[in-house]
Amino acid sequence: MAGYYHRGQGFWCGGYTLEVLVEGFNAKLWVVKFEYVAFVMGPIGWLLLGLQMRGKSLYVGRKWVALLFVIPCLTLLQVFTAEHHRFFWLQKNLWNSMVFTFSRVPTA
């Protein structure tokens, strides 16, 4: 069960690396959307890792783990349809730093 946490962290690290390396605003925004997979997997991973470390992971079946993913899946659905309802990002622009160009997407 700790694999959920590790997968989420790996997704975040890989996504952030791609965000820095990829060129173009639309490509960066696409990568940021996929980074949200890591953002929603993180808390679930922490919970399952904590339960496993305490020896309580036997009480959590597949049905309960699937139920934990309902709200994160709804969050991802909102992120990937953000252009239609503008719930996550009111405006999108690039912020230029000294060396790198980072995408800066303010939240609502």
PDB file of N, CA and C in Angstrom:
ATOM      1  N   MET A   1       0.800  -1.191   0.000  1.00  0.00           N
ATOM      2  CA  MET A   1       0.000   0.000   0.000  1.00  0.00           C
ATOM      3  C   MET A   1       0.845   1.258   0.000  1.00  0.00           C
ATOM      4  N   ALA A   2       2.057   1.152   0.434  1.00  0.00           N
ATOM      5  CA  ALA A   2       2.936   2.313   0.410  1.00  0.00           C
ATOM      6  C   ALA A   2       3.289   2.706  -1.013  1.00  0.00           C
ATOM      7  N   GLY A   3       3.021   1.812  -1.956  1.00  0.00           N
ATOM      8  CA  GLY A   3       3.309   2.105  -3.352  1.00  0.00           C
ATOM      9  C   GLY A   3       2.519   3.282  -3.886  1.00  0.00           C
ATOM     10  N   TYR A   4       1.313   3.540  -3.342  1.00  0.00           N
ATOM     11  CA  TYR A   4       0.534   4.701  -3.775  1.00  0.00           C
ATOM     12  C   TYR A   4       1.297   5.984  -3.503  1.00  0.00           C
ATOM     13  N   TYR A   5       1.892   6.054  -2.321  1.00  0.00           N
ATOM     14  CA  TYR A   5       2.665   7.241  -1.958  1.00  0.00           C
ATOM     15  C   TYR A   5       3.877   7.397  -2.869  1.00  0.00           C
ATOM     16  N   HIS A   6       4.596   6.313  -3.097  1.00  0.00           N
ATOM     17  CA  HIS A   6       5.803   6.381  -3.915  1.00  0.00           C
ATOM     18  C   HIS A   6       5.477   6.694  -5.371  1.00  0.00           C
ATOM     19  N   ARG A   7       4.384   6.144  -5.878  1.00  0.00           N
ATOM     20  CA  ARG A   7       3.975   6.472  -7.248  1.00  0.00           C
ATOM     21  C   ARG A   7       3.607   7.946  -7.368  1.00  0.00           C
ATOM     22  N   GLY A   8       2.918   8.454  -6.371  1.00  0.00           N
ATOM     23  CA  GLY A   8       2.541   9.863  -6.395  1.00  0.00           C
ATOM     24  C   GLY A   8       3.752  10.779  -6.374  1.00  0.00           C
ATOM     25  N   GLN A   9       4.722  10.456  -5.540  1.00  0.00           N
ATOM     26  CA  GLN A   9       5.933  11.268  -5.478  1.00  0.00           C
ATOM     27  C   GLN A   9       6.736  11.176  -6.769  1.00  0.00           C
ATOM     28  N   GLY A  10       6.795   9.991  -7.346  1.00  0.00           N
ATOM     29  CA  GLY A  10       7.481   9.834  -8.628  1.00  0.00           C
ATOM     30  C   GLY A  10       6.797  10.612  -9.734  1.00  0.00           C
ATOM     31  N   PHE A  11       5.471  10.596  -9.742  1.00  0.00           N
ATOM     32  CA  PHE A  11       4.704  11.368 -10.723  1.00  0.00           C
ATOM     33  C   PHE A  11       4.992  12.852 -10.569  1.00  0.00           C
ATOM     34  N   TRP A  12       5.040  13.326  -9.312  1.00  0.00           N
ATOM     35  CA  TRP A  12       5.282  14.743  -9.079  1.00  0.00           C
ATOM     36  C   TRP A  12       6.691  15.139  -9.529  1.00  0.00           C
ATOM     37  N   CYS A  13       7.689  14.344  -9.184  1.00  0.00           N
ATOM     38  CA  CYS A  13       9.069  14.656  -9.579  1.00  0.00           C
ATOM     39  C   CYS A  13       9.227  14.646 -11.090  1.00  0.00           C
ATOM     40  N   GLY A  14       8.668  13.632 -11.734  1.00  0.00           N
ATOM     41  CA  GLY A  14       8.743  13.570 -13.190  1.00  0.00           C
ATOM     42  C   GLY A  14       7.992  14.706 -13.850  1.00  0.00           C
ATOM     43  N   GLY A  15       6.825  15.043 -13.324  1.00  0.00           N
ATOM     44  CA  GLY A  15       6.044  16.141 -13.883  1.00  0.00           C
ATOM     45  C   GLY A  15       6.732  17.476 -13.721  1.00  0.00           C
ATOM     46  N   TYR A  16       7.337  17.703 -12.567  1.00  0.00           N
ATOM     47  CA  TYR A  16       8.029  18.972 -12.362  1.00  0.00           C
ATOM     48  C   TYR A  16       9.253  19.081 -13.265  1.00  0.00           C
ATOM     49  N   THR A  17       9.941  17.979 -13.457  1.00  0.00           N
ATOM     50  CA  THR A  17      11.084  17.979 -14.374  1.00  0.00           C
ATOM     51  C   THR A  17      10.634  18.313 -15.784  1.00  0.00           C
ATOM     52  N   LEU A  18       9.544  17.699 -16.220  1.00  0.00           N
ATOM     53  CA  LEU A  18       9.022  18.008 -17.553  1.00  0.00           C
ATOM     54  C   LEU A  18       8.544  19.445 -17.648  1.00  0.00           C
ATOM     55  N   GLU A  19       7.969  19.965 -16.571  1.00  0.00           N
ATOM     56  CA  GLU A  19       7.501  21.352 -16.580  1.00  0.00           C
ATOM     57  C   GLU A  19       8.653  22.318 -16.819  1.00  0.00           C
ATOM     58  N   VAL A  20       9.803  22.034 -16.249  1.00  0.00           N
ATOM     59  CA  VAL A  20      10.968  22.898 -16.439  1.00  0.00           C
ATOM     60  C   VAL A  20      11.571  22.701 -17.827  1.00  0.00           C
ATOM     61  N   LEU A  21      11.595  21.467 -18.323  1.00  0.00           N
ATOM     62  CA  LEU A  21      12.277  21.174 -19.583  1.00  0.00           C
ATOM     63  C   LEU A  21      11.466  21.506 -20.828  1.00  0.00           C
ATOM     64  N   VAL A  22      10.154  21.366 -20.754  1.00  0.00           N
ATOM     65  CA  VAL A  22       9.340  21.526 -21.955  1.00  0.00           C
ATOM     66  C   VAL A  22       9.211  23.018 -22.300  1.00  0.00           C
ATOM     67  N   GLU A  23       9.131  23.298 -23.599  1.00  0.00           N
ATOM     68  CA  GLU A  23       9.013  24.685 -24.055  1.00  0.00           C
ATOM     69  C   GLU A  23       7.606  24.942 -24.547  1.00  0.00           C
ATOM     70  N   GLY A  24       7.166  26.152 -24.388  1.00  0.00           N
ATOM     71  CA  GLY A  24       5.842  26.532 -24.851  1.00  0.00           C
ATOM     72  C   GLY A  24       4.830  26.532 -23.720  1.00  0.00           C
ATOM     73  N   PHE A  25       3.963  27.530 -23.760  1.00  0.00           N
ATOM     74  CA  PHE A  25       2.998  27.706 -22.680  1.00  0.00           C
ATOM     75  C   PHE A  25       1.981  26.573 -22.616  1.00  0.00           C
ATOM     76  N   ASN A  26       1.435  26.180 -23.752  1.00  0.00           N
ATOM     77  CA  ASN A  26       0.420  25.120 -23.755  1.00  0.00           C
ATOM     78  C   ASN A  26       0.991  23.784 -23.295  1.00  0.00           C
ATOM     79  N   ALA A  27       2.227  23.497 -23.665  1.00  0.00           N
ATOM     80  CA  ALA A  27       2.857  22.250 -23.224  1.00  0.00           C
ATOM     81  C   ALA A  27       3.083  22.265 -21.717  1.00  0.00           C
ATOM     82  N   LYS A  28       3.517  23.407 -21.182  1.00  0.00           N
ATOM     83  CA  LYS A  28       3.712  23.514 -19.736  1.00  0.00           C
ATOM     84  C   LYS A  28       2.390  23.358 -18.990  1.00  0.00           C
ATOM     85  N   LEU A  29       1.342  23.942 -19.517  1.00  0.00           N
ATOM     86  CA  LEU A  29       0.036  23.828 -18.877  1.00  0.00           C
ATOM     87  C   LEU A  29      -0.465  22.390 -18.907  1.00  0.00           C
ATOM     88  N   TRP A  30      -0.204  21.684 -19.980  1.00  0.00           N
ATOM     89  CA  TRP A  30      -0.588  20.278 -20.093  1.00  0.00           C
ATOM     90  C   TRP A  30       0.144  19.443 -19.037  1.00  0.00           C
ATOM     91  N   VAL A  31       1.440  19.732 -18.844  1.00  0.00           N
ATOM     92  CA  VAL A  31       2.221  19.002 -17.838  1.00  0.00           C
ATOM     93  C   VAL A  31       1.712  19.318 -16.430  1.00  0.00           C
ATOM     94  N   VAL A  32       1.360  20.581 -16.183  1.00  0.00           N
ATOM     95  CA  VAL A  32       0.838  20.962 -14.868  1.00  0.00           C
ATOM     96  C   VAL A  32      -0.446  20.202 -14.559  1.00  0.00           C
ATOM     97  N   LYS A  33      -1.277  20.003 -15.571  1.00  0.00           N
ATOM     98  CA  LYS A  33      -2.512  19.241 -15.351  1.00  0.00           C
ATOM     99  C   LYS A  33      -2.201  17.807 -14.946  1.00  0.00           C
ATOM    100  N   PHE A  34      -1.197  17.212 -15.561  1.00  0.00           N
ATOM    101  CA  PHE A  34      -0.855  15.842 -15.192  1.00  0.00           C
ATOM    102  C   PHE A  34      -0.146  15.765 -13.845  1.00  0.00           C
ATOM    103  N   GLU A  35       0.443  16.876 -13.399  1.00  0.00           N
ATOM    104  CA  GLU A  35       1.030  16.888 -12.062  1.00  0.00           C
ATOM    105  C   GLU A  35      -0.043  16.767 -10.984  1.00  0.00           C
ATOM    106  N   TYR A  36      -1.263  17.156 -11.299  1.00  0.00           N
ATOM    107  CA  TYR A  36      -2.340  17.035 -10.327  1.00  0.00           C
ATOM    108  C   TYR A  36      -2.602  15.588  -9.943  1.00  0.00           C
ATOM    109  N   VAL A  37      -2.219  14.647 -10.783  1.00  0.00           N
ATOM    110  CA  VAL A  37      -2.338  13.232 -10.408  1.00  0.00           C
ATOM    111  C   VAL A  37      -1.530  12.981  -9.140  1.00  0.00           C
ATOM    112  N   ALA A  38      -0.342  13.553  -9.076  1.00  0.00           N
ATOM    113  CA  ALA A  38       0.492  13.401  -7.879  1.00  0.00           C
ATOM    114  C   ALA A  38      -0.106  14.148  -6.698  1.00  0.00           C
ATOM    115  N   PHE A  39      -0.689  15.318  -6.953  1.00  0.00           N
ATOM    116  CA  PHE A  39      -1.256  16.099  -5.855  1.00  0.00           C
ATOM    117  C   PHE A  39      -2.408  15.368  -5.179  1.00  0.00           C
ATOM    118  N   VAL A  40      -3.208  14.651  -5.956  1.00  0.00           N
ATOM    119  CA  VAL A  40      -4.344  13.956  -5.349  1.00  0.00           C
ATOM    120  C   VAL A  40      -3.956  12.578  -4.820  1.00  0.00           C
ATOM    121  N   MET A  41      -2.860  12.008  -5.316  1.00  0.00           N
ATOM    122  CA  MET A  41      -2.410  10.715  -4.795  1.00  0.00           C
ATOM    123  C   MET A  41      -1.640  10.862  -3.490  1.00  0.00           C
ATOM    124  N   GLY A  42      -1.076  12.026  -3.251  1.00  0.00           N
ATOM    125  CA  GLY A  42      -0.259  12.245  -2.062  1.00  0.00           C
ATOM    126  C   GLY A  42      -0.973  11.977  -0.748  1.00  0.00           C
ATOM    127  N   PRO A  43      -2.103  12.632  -0.477  1.00  0.00           N
ATOM    128  CA  PRO A  43      -2.783  12.387   0.802  1.00  0.00           C
ATOM    129  C   PRO A  43      -3.253  10.943   0.981  1.00  0.00           C
ATOM    130  N   ILE A  44      -3.714  10.329  -0.095  1.00  0.00           N
ATOM    131  CA  ILE A  44      -4.133   8.928   0.004  1.00  0.00           C
ATOM    132  C   ILE A  44      -2.923   8.047   0.298  1.00  0.00           C
ATOM    133  N   GLY A  45      -1.817   8.352  -0.355  1.00  0.00           N
ATOM    134  CA  GLY A  45      -0.595   7.594  -0.100  1.00  0.00           C
ATOM    135  C   GLY A  45      -0.117   7.736   1.331  1.00  0.00           C
ATOM    136  N   TRP A  46      -0.184   8.970   1.872  1.00  0.00           N
ATOM    137  CA  TRP A  46       0.207   9.179   3.263  1.00  0.00           C
ATOM    138  C   TRP A  46      -0.676   8.374   4.208  1.00  0.00           C
ATOM    139  N   LEU A  47      -1.982   8.388   3.960  1.00  0.00           N
ATOM    140  CA  LEU A  47      -2.897   7.635   4.814  1.00  0.00           C
ATOM    141  C   LEU A  47      -2.601   6.142   4.763  1.00  0.00           C
ATOM    142  N   LEU A  48      -2.452   5.602   3.563  1.00  0.00           N
ATOM    143  CA  LEU A  48      -2.203   4.163   3.433  1.00  0.00           C
ATOM    144  C   LEU A  48      -0.830   3.777   3.976  1.00  0.00           C
ATOM    145  N   LEU A  49       0.158   4.651   3.781  1.00  0.00           N
ATOM    146  CA  LEU A  49       1.483   4.388   4.343  1.00  0.00           C
ATOM    147  C   LEU A  49       1.428   4.394   5.870  1.00  0.00           C
ATOM    148  N   GLY A  50       0.703   5.356   6.440  1.00  0.00           N
ATOM    149  CA  GLY A  50       0.559   5.408   7.896  1.00  0.00           C
ATOM    150  C   GLY A  50      -0.148   4.184   8.450  1.00  0.00           C
ATOM    151  N   LEU A  51      -1.197   3.744   7.758  1.00  0.00           N
ATOM    152  CA  LEU A  51      -1.903   2.539   8.204  1.00  0.00           C
ATOM    153  C   LEU A  51      -1.008   1.311   8.120  1.00  0.00           C
ATOM    154  N   GLN A  52      -0.203   1.250   7.075  1.00  0.00           N
ATOM    155  CA  GLN A  52       0.697   0.104   6.929  1.00  0.00           C
ATOM    156  C   GLN A  52       1.772   0.121   8.014  1.00  0.00           C
ATOM    157  N   MET A  53       2.305   1.298   8.312  1.00  0.00           N
ATOM    158  CA  MET A  53       3.346   1.384   9.334  1.00  0.00           C
ATOM    159  C   MET A  53       2.799   1.053  10.729  1.00  0.00           C
ATOM    160  N   ARG A  54       1.526   1.348  10.969  1.00  0.00           N
ATOM    161  CA  ARG A  54       0.906   1.038  12.257  1.00  0.00           C
ATOM    162  C   ARG A  54       0.396  -0.391  12.330  1.00  0.00           C
ATOM    163  N   GLY A  55       0.468  -1.124  11.224  1.00  0.00           N
ATOM    164  CA  GLY A  55      -0.005  -2.495  11.220  1.00  0.00           C
ATOM    165  C   GLY A  55      -1.505  -2.620  11.045  1.00  0.00           C
ATOM    166  N   LYS A  56      -2.139  -1.576  10.557  1.00  0.00           N
ATOM    167  CA  LYS A  56      -3.595  -1.568  10.391  1.00  0.00           C
ATOM    168  C   LYS A  56      -4.016  -1.759   8.940  1.00  0.00           C
ATOM    169  N   SER A  57      -3.093  -2.069   8.061  1.00  0.00           N
ATOM    170  CA  SER A  57      -3.436  -2.164   6.639  1.00  0.00           C
ATOM    171  C   SER A  57      -4.320  -3.370   6.334  1.00  0.00           C
ATOM    172  N   LEU A  58      -4.390  -4.324   7.245  1.00  0.00           N
ATOM    173  CA  LEU A  58      -5.259  -5.479   7.021  1.00  0.00           C
ATOM    174  C   LEU A  58      -6.733  -5.094   7.051  1.00  0.00           C
ATOM    175  N   TYR A  59      -7.045  -3.972   7.716  1.00  0.00           N
ATOM    176  CA  TYR A  59      -8.431  -3.543   7.832  1.00  0.00           C
ATOM    177  C   TYR A  59      -8.919  -2.778   6.603  1.00  0.00           C
ATOM    178  N   VAL A  60      -8.011  -2.417   5.728  1.00  0.00           N
ATOM    179  CA  VAL A  60      -8.369  -1.626   4.552  1.00  0.00           C
ATOM    180  C   VAL A  60      -8.393  -2.547   3.342  1.00  0.00           C
ATOM    181  N   GLY A  61      -9.577  -2.831   2.854  1.00  0.00           N
ATOM    182  CA  GLY A  61      -9.722  -3.689   1.681  1.00  0.00           C
ATOM    183  C   GLY A  61      -9.712  -2.879   0.394  1.00  0.00           C
ATOM    184  N   ARG A  62      -9.787  -3.568  -0.709  1.00  0.00           N
ATOM    185  CA  ARG A  62      -9.771  -2.903  -2.014  1.00  0.00           C
ATOM    186  C   ARG A  62     -10.977  -1.989  -2.201  1.00  0.00           C
ATOM    187  N   LYS A  63     -12.090  -2.378  -1.615  1.00  0.00           N
ATOM    188  CA  LYS A  63     -13.296  -1.565  -1.742  1.00  0.00           C
ATOM    189  C   LYS A  63     -13.105  -0.196  -1.077  1.00  0.00           C
ATOM    190  N   TRP A  64     -12.469  -0.187   0.095  1.00  0.00           N
ATOM    191  CA  TRP A  64     -12.239   1.071   0.799  1.00  0.00           C
ATOM    192  C   TRP A  64     -11.200   1.929   0.091  1.00  0.00           C
ATOM    193  N   VAL A  65     -10.184   1.303  -0.465  1.00  0.00           N
ATOM    194  CA  VAL A  65      -9.177   2.063  -1.218  1.00  0.00           C
ATOM    195  C   VAL A  65      -9.814   2.683  -2.456  1.00  0.00           C
ATOM    196  N   ALA A  66     -10.679   1.931  -3.129  1.00  0.00           N
ATOM    197  CA  ALA A  66     -11.381   2.478  -4.294  1.00  0.00           C
ATOM    198  C   ALA A  66     -12.275   3.641  -3.883  1.00  0.00           C
ATOM    199  N   LEU A  67     -12.893   3.545  -2.728  1.00  0.00           N
ATOM    200  CA  LEU A  67     -13.745   4.625  -2.240  1.00  0.00           C
ATOM    201  C   LEU A  67     -12.926   5.874  -1.914  1.00  0.00           C
ATOM    202  N   LEU A  68     -11.703   5.682  -1.455  1.00  0.00           N
ATOM    203  CA  LEU A  68     -10.827   6.825  -1.183  1.00  0.00           C
ATOM    204  C   LEU A  68     -10.498   7.613  -2.448  1.00  0.00           C
ATOM    205  N   PHE A  69     -10.536   6.970  -3.597  1.00  0.00           N
ATOM    206  CA  PHE A  69     -10.155   7.623  -4.845  1.00  0.00           C
ATOM    207  C   PHE A  69     -11.312   8.353  -5.533  1.00  0.00           C
ATOM    208  N   VAL A  70     -12.496   8.365  -4.943  1.00  0.00           N
ATOM    209  CA  VAL A  70     -13.634   9.030  -5.590  1.00  0.00           C
ATOM    210  C   VAL A  70     -13.407  10.536  -5.683  1.00  0.00           C
ATOM    211  N   ILE A  71     -13.103  11.184  -4.573  1.00  0.00           N
ATOM    212  CA  ILE A  71     -12.918  12.637  -4.585  1.00  0.00           C
ATOM    213  C   ILE A  71     -11.688  13.038  -5.397  1.00  0.00           C
ATOM    214  N   PRO A  72     -10.544  12.349  -5.296  1.00  0.00           N
ATOM    215  CA  PRO A  72      -9.429  12.703  -6.179  1.00  0.00           C
ATOM    216  C   PRO A  72      -9.767  12.575  -7.665  1.00  0.00           C
ATOM    217  N   CYS A  73     -10.552  11.579  -8.033  1.00  0.00           N
ATOM    218  CA  CYS A  73     -10.940  11.442  -9.444  1.00  0.00           C
ATOM    219  C   CYS A  73     -11.835  12.594  -9.877  1.00  0.00           C
ATOM    220  N   LEU A  74     -12.730  13.033  -9.001  1.00  0.00           N
ATOM    221  CA  LEU A  74     -13.555  14.199  -9.314  1.00  0.00           C
ATOM    222  C   LEU A  74     -12.701  15.463  -9.434  1.00  0.00           C
ATOM    223  N   THR A  75     -11.681  15.574  -8.588  1.00  0.00           N
ATOM    224  CA  THR A  75     -10.765  16.709  -8.678  1.00  0.00           C
ATOM    225  C   THR A  75     -10.028  16.703 -10.005  1.00  0.00           C
ATOM    226  N   LEU A  76      -9.541  15.546 -10.426  1.00  0.00           N
ATOM    227  CA  LEU A  76      -8.852  15.456 -11.716  1.00  0.00           C
ATOM    228  C   LEU A  76      -9.787  15.779 -12.874  1.00  0.00           C
ATOM    229  N   LEU A  77     -11.023  15.376 -12.775  1.00  0.00           N
ATOM    230  CA  LEU A  77     -11.999  15.705 -13.813  1.00  0.00           C
ATOM    231  C   LEU A  77     -12.178  17.216 -13.914  1.00  0.00           C
ATOM    232  N   GLN A  78     -12.216  17.896 -12.781  1.00  0.00           N
ATOM    233  CA  GLN A  78     -12.329  19.352 -12.799  1.00  0.00           C
ATOM    234  C   GLN A  78     -11.077  20.010 -13.351  1.00  0.00           C
ATOM    235  N   VAL A  79      -9.917  19.467 -13.045  1.00  0.00           N
ATOM    236  CA  VAL A  79      -8.674  20.050 -13.556  1.00  0.00           C
ATOM    237  C   VAL A  79      -8.601  19.930 -15.071  1.00  0.00           C
ATOM    238  N   PHE A  80      -8.948  18.766 -15.603  1.00  0.00           N
ATOM    239  CA  PHE A  80      -8.827  18.564 -17.042  1.00  0.00           C
ATOM    240  C   PHE A  80      -9.932  19.255 -17.834  1.00  0.00           C
ATOM    241  N   THR A  81     -10.978  19.715 -17.171  1.00  0.00           N
ATOM    242  CA  THR A  81     -12.023  20.481 -17.852  1.00  0.00           C
ATOM    243  C   THR A  81     -12.026  21.932 -17.385  1.00  0.00           C
ATOM    244  N   ALA A  82     -10.899  22.422 -16.882  1.00  0.00           N
ATOM    245  CA  ALA A  82     -10.817  23.765 -16.303  1.00  0.00           C
ATOM    246  C   ALA A  82     -11.075  24.868 -17.323  1.00  0.00           C
ATOM    247  N   GLU A  83     -10.828  24.623 -18.594  1.00  0.00           N
ATOM    248  CA  GLU A  83     -11.050  25.656 -19.600  1.00  0.00           C
ATOM    249  C   GLU A  83     -12.535  25.983 -19.747  1.00  0.00           C
ATOM    250  N   HIS A  84     -13.392  25.056 -19.396  1.00  0.00           N
ATOM    251  CA  HIS A  84     -14.828  25.256 -19.578  1.00  0.00           C
ATOM    252  C   HIS A  84     -15.480  25.991 -18.413  1.00  0.00           C
ATOM    253  N   HIS A  85     -14.956  25.812 -17.202  1.00  0.00           N
ATOM    254  CA  HIS A  85     -15.617  26.419 -16.045  1.00  0.00           C
ATOM    255  C   HIS A  85     -14.726  27.376 -15.274  1.00  0.00           C
ATOM    256  N   ARG A  86     -13.436  27.439 -15.558  1.00  0.00           N
ATOM    257  CA  ARG A  86     -12.487  28.359 -14.919  1.00  0.00           C
ATOM    258  C   ARG A  86     -12.525  28.260 -13.391  1.00  0.00           C
ATOM    259  N   PHE A  87     -12.661  27.054 -12.892  1.00  0.00           N
ATOM    260  CA  PHE A  87     -12.723  26.858 -11.450  1.00  0.00           C
ATOM    261  C   PHE A  87     -11.331  26.853 -10.822  1.00  0.00           C
ATOM    262  N   PHE A  88     -10.347  26.299 -11.508  1.00  0.00           N
ATOM    263  CA  PHE A  88      -9.004  26.188 -10.943  1.00  0.00           C
ATOM    264  C   PHE A  88      -8.126  27.386 -11.270  1.00  0.00           C
ATOM    265  N   TRP A  89      -8.181  27.854 -12.487  1.00  0.00           N
ATOM    266  CA  TRP A  89      -7.304  28.939 -12.904  1.00  0.00           C
ATOM    267  C   TRP A  89      -8.130  30.071 -13.494  1.00  0.00           C
ATOM    268  N   LEU A  90      -7.991  31.253 -12.908  1.00  0.00           N
ATOM    269  CA  LEU A  90      -8.685  32.414 -13.453  1.00  0.00           C
ATOM    270  C   LEU A  90      -7.910  33.014 -14.615  1.00  0.00           C
ATOM    271  N   GLN A  91      -6.603  33.030 -14.491  1.00  0.00           N
ATOM    272  CA  GLN A  91      -5.752  33.499 -15.580  1.00  0.00           C
ATOM    273  C   GLN A  91      -4.504  32.631 -15.620  1.00  0.00           C
ATOM    274  N   LYS A  92      -3.909  32.555 -16.803  1.00  0.00           N
ATOM    275  CA  LYS A  92      -2.721  31.718 -16.983  1.00  0.00           C
ATOM    276  C   LYS A  92      -1.648  32.561 -17.664  1.00  0.00           C
ATOM    277  N   ASN A  93      -0.464  32.561 -17.086  1.00  0.00           N
ATOM    278  CA  ASN A  93       0.648  33.282 -17.705  1.00  0.00           C
ATOM    279  C   ASN A  93       1.967  32.639 -17.295  1.00  0.00           C
ATOM    280  N   LEU A  94       3.025  33.019 -18.003  1.00  0.00           N
ATOM    281  CA  LEU A  94       4.369  32.530 -17.688  1.00  0.00           C
ATOM    282  C   LEU A  94       5.090  33.577 -16.863  1.00  0.00           C
ATOM    283  N   TRP A  95       5.817  33.098 -15.873  1.00  0.00           N
ATOM    284  CA  TRP A  95       6.606  33.977 -15.028  1.00  0.00           C
ATOM    285  C   TRP A  95       8.066  33.733 -15.368  1.00  0.00           C
ATOM    286  N   ASN A  96       8.763  34.767 -15.824  1.00  0.00           N
ATOM    287  CA  ASN A  96      10.167  34.635 -16.224  1.00  0.00           C
ATOM    288  C   ASN A  96      11.071  34.929 -15.040  1.00  0.00           C
ATOM    289  N   SER A  97      11.934  33.981 -14.746  1.00  0.00           N
ATOM    290  CA  SER A  97      12.924  34.156 -13.701  1.00  0.00           C
ATOM    291  C   SER A  97      14.265  34.433 -14.370  1.00  0.00           C
ATOM    292  N   MET A  98      15.332  34.489 -13.607  1.00  0.00           N
ATOM    293  CA  MET A  98      16.640  34.795 -14.176  1.00  0.00           C
ATOM    294  C   MET A  98      17.079  33.766 -15.209  1.00  0.00           C
ATOM    295  N   VAL A  99      16.996  32.505 -14.857  1.00  0.00           N
ATOM    296  CA  VAL A  99      17.512  31.461 -15.729  1.00  0.00           C
ATOM    297  C   VAL A  99      16.386  30.682 -16.393  1.00  0.00           C
ATOM    298  N   PHE A 100      15.392  30.308 -15.615  1.00  0.00           N
ATOM    299  CA  PHE A 100      14.324  29.444 -16.109  1.00  0.00           C
ATOM    300  C   PHE A 100      13.048  30.242 -16.343  1.00  0.00           C
ATOM    301  N   THR A 101      12.184  29.691 -17.150  1.00  0.00           N
ATOM    302  CA  THR A 101      10.838  30.218 -17.319  1.00  0.00           C
ATOM    303  C   THR A 101       9.880  29.216 -16.695  1.00  0.00           C
ATOM    304  N   PHE A 102       9.220  29.635 -15.645  1.00  0.00           N
ATOM    305  CA  PHE A 102       8.299  28.755 -14.936  1.00  0.00           C
ATOM    306  C   PHE A 102       6.872  29.124 -15.290  1.00  0.00           C
ATOM    307  N   SER A 103       5.999  28.156 -15.255  1.00  0.00           N
ATOM    308  CA  SER A 103       4.584  28.468 -15.454  1.00  0.00           C
ATOM    309  C   SER A 103       3.993  28.866 -14.111  1.00  0.00           C
ATOM    310  N   ARG A 104       3.311  29.966 -14.128  1.00  0.00           N
ATOM    311  CA  ARG A 104       2.663  30.444 -12.908  1.00  0.00           C
ATOM    312  C   ARG A 104       1.170  30.451 -13.165  1.00  0.00           C
ATOM    313  N   VAL A 105       0.473  29.585 -12.472  1.00  0.00           N
ATOM    314  CA  VAL A 105      -0.962  29.445 -12.672  1.00  0.00           C
ATOM    315  C   VAL A 105      -1.633  29.709 -11.334  1.00  0.00           C
ATOM    316  N   PRO A 106      -2.122  30.942 -11.112  1.00  0.00           N
ATOM    317  CA  PRO A 106      -2.762  31.225  -9.825  1.00  0.00           C
ATOM    318  C   PRO A 106      -4.075  30.475  -9.685  1.00  0.00           C
ATOM    319  N   THR A 107      -4.355  30.069  -8.473  1.00  0.00           N
ATOM    320  CA  THR A 107      -5.598  29.343  -8.220  1.00  0.00           C
ATOM    321  C   THR A 107      -6.690  30.319  -7.823  1.00  0.00           C
ATOM    322  N   ALA A 108      -7.898  29.835  -7.855  1.00  0.00           N
ATOM    323  CA  ALA A 108      -9.055  30.686  -7.543  1.00  0.00           C
ATOM    324  C   ALA A 108      -9.096  31.053  -6.082  1.00  0.00           C
TER     325      ALA A 108
END
